[in-house]
Amino acid sequence: MKQDADFIEDENFNENVKAIICQNIKRYRKEKGVRLMDLADKLDVSVNHLKRIESENDRNNVSLMTLYKISILLDVRVDKFFEEEKVSASSNDSFGKR
């Protein structure tokens, strides 16, 4: 059993995974030009429920089945929802310049 505990302790789990998923659902929805109410309708959930799914501060988690349905409806691979958005150095350099 010690071996199992070592395995868990050695892993670098991202504590912010829920926030990352929430941000990505919202980002991909907006990139695809899908309105909140339209996605909620296709998922057969209320707009308020989808707002909570997209909210980083809500304590509820999105179910795997709902995430899977969102991925199909938005045509985004499920693993993309777990990726942190990288901010490129070039976009930071141009900030504030004209």
Protein backbone atom coordinates (compact mmCIF):
# COMPACT_ATOMS: atom_id res chain seq x y z
CA MET A 1 0.00 0.00 0.00
CA LYS A 2 2.95 2.32 0.60
CA GLN A 3 3.69 2.14 -3.10
CA ASP A 4 0.23 3.54 -3.93
CA ALA A 5 0.69 6.45 -1.53
CA ASP A 6 4.08 7.25 -3.08
CA PHE A 7 2.50 7.28 -6.52
CA ILE A 8 -0.10 9.83 -5.42
CA GLU A 9 2.43 12.01 -3.61
CA ASP A 10 4.79 12.02 -6.59
CA GLU A 11 2.18 13.29 -9.05
CA ASN A 12 1.88 16.99 -9.77
CA PHE A 13 -1.86 17.50 -9.78
CA ASN A 14 -3.05 20.91 -10.88
CA GLU A 15 -5.27 22.24 -8.12
CA ASN A 16 -6.81 24.74 -10.55
CA VAL A 17 -8.14 22.16 -13.00
CA LYS A 18 -11.78 23.16 -12.39
CA ALA A 19 -11.02 26.80 -13.16
CA ILE A 20 -9.12 25.77 -16.31
CA ILE A 21 -12.05 23.66 -17.53
CA CYS A 22 -14.53 26.46 -16.80
CA GLN A 23 -12.43 29.04 -18.63
CA ASN A 24 -12.02 26.76 -21.63
CA ILE A 25 -15.71 25.91 -21.92
CA LYS A 26 -16.50 29.61 -21.99
CA ARG A 27 -13.60 30.44 -24.33
CA TYR A 28 -14.44 27.75 -26.89
CA ARG A 29 -18.15 28.60 -26.74
CA LYS A 30 -17.37 32.24 -27.51
CA GLU A 31 -14.80 31.34 -30.20
CA LYS A 32 -17.44 29.22 -31.93
CA GLY A 33 -19.97 32.07 -31.63
CA VAL A 34 -22.41 29.95 -29.61
CA ARG A 35 -24.72 31.82 -27.29
CA LEU A 36 -25.08 30.62 -23.71
CA MET A 37 -28.83 30.04 -24.14
CA ASP A 38 -28.33 28.03 -27.33
CA LEU A 39 -25.75 25.72 -25.77
CA ALA A 40 -27.90 25.31 -22.65
CA ASP A 41 -30.84 24.37 -24.87
CA LYS A 42 -28.81 21.76 -26.77
CA LEU A 43 -27.51 20.34 -23.47
CA ASP A 44 -31.05 20.32 -22.06
CA VAL A 45 -29.95 22.32 -19.01
CA SER A 46 -31.01 25.73 -17.74
CA VAL A 47 -29.03 28.83 -18.66
CA ASN A 48 -28.31 29.31 -14.95
CA HIS A 49 -26.87 25.81 -14.72
CA LEU A 50 -24.58 26.46 -17.70
CA LYS A 51 -23.54 29.80 -16.16
CA ARG A 52 -22.56 27.89 -13.01
CA ILE A 53 -20.60 25.38 -15.11
CA GLU A 54 -18.67 28.25 -16.72
CA SER A 55 -18.12 29.98 -13.37
CA GLU A 56 -14.72 29.41 -11.78
CA ASN A 57 -16.11 30.39 -8.39
CA ASP A 58 -19.01 27.94 -8.31
CA ARG A 59 -18.38 24.93 -6.08
CA ASN A 60 -20.21 22.51 -8.36
CA ASN A 61 -18.23 20.45 -10.85
CA VAL A 62 -19.20 19.74 -14.42
CA SER A 63 -20.05 16.08 -14.96
CA LEU A 64 -18.00 14.04 -17.37
CA MET A 65 -21.11 13.37 -19.48
CA THR A 66 -21.89 17.10 -19.72
CA LEU A 67 -18.29 17.90 -20.62
CA TYR A 68 -18.43 15.20 -23.29
CA LYS A 69 -21.67 16.65 -24.72
CA ILE A 70 -20.16 20.15 -24.71
CA SER A 71 -17.12 18.85 -26.59
CA ILE A 72 -19.35 17.33 -29.27
CA LEU A 73 -21.58 20.38 -29.60
CA LEU A 74 -18.63 22.78 -29.80
CA ASP A 75 -16.54 20.36 -31.90
CA VAL A 76 -13.64 20.51 -29.44
CA ARG A 77 -11.70 17.48 -28.23
CA VAL A 78 -12.31 16.81 -24.52
CA ASP A 79 -8.60 17.06 -23.68
CA LYS A 80 -8.57 20.67 -24.91
CA PHE A 81 -10.72 21.66 -21.93
CA PHE A 82 -7.88 20.66 -19.59
CA GLU A 83 -5.17 22.78 -21.27
CA GLU A 84 -4.04 26.02 -19.71
CA GLU A 85 -4.04 28.89 -22.16
CA LYS A 86 -0.51 30.02 -22.86
CA VAL A 87 0.13 33.75 -23.10
CA SER A 88 2.84 34.41 -25.65
CA ALA A 89 5.66 36.82 -24.90
CA SER A 90 5.05 38.66 -28.19
CA SER A 91 1.49 39.55 -27.16
CA ASN A 92 2.82 40.92 -23.87
CA ASP A 93 5.47 42.99 -25.66
CA SER A 94 2.91 44.74 -27.81
CA PHE A 95 0.65 45.61 -24.90
CA GLY A 96 0.12 49.34 -24.74
CA LYS A 97 2.15 50.07 -27.89
CA ARG A 98 0.71 51.88 -30.91
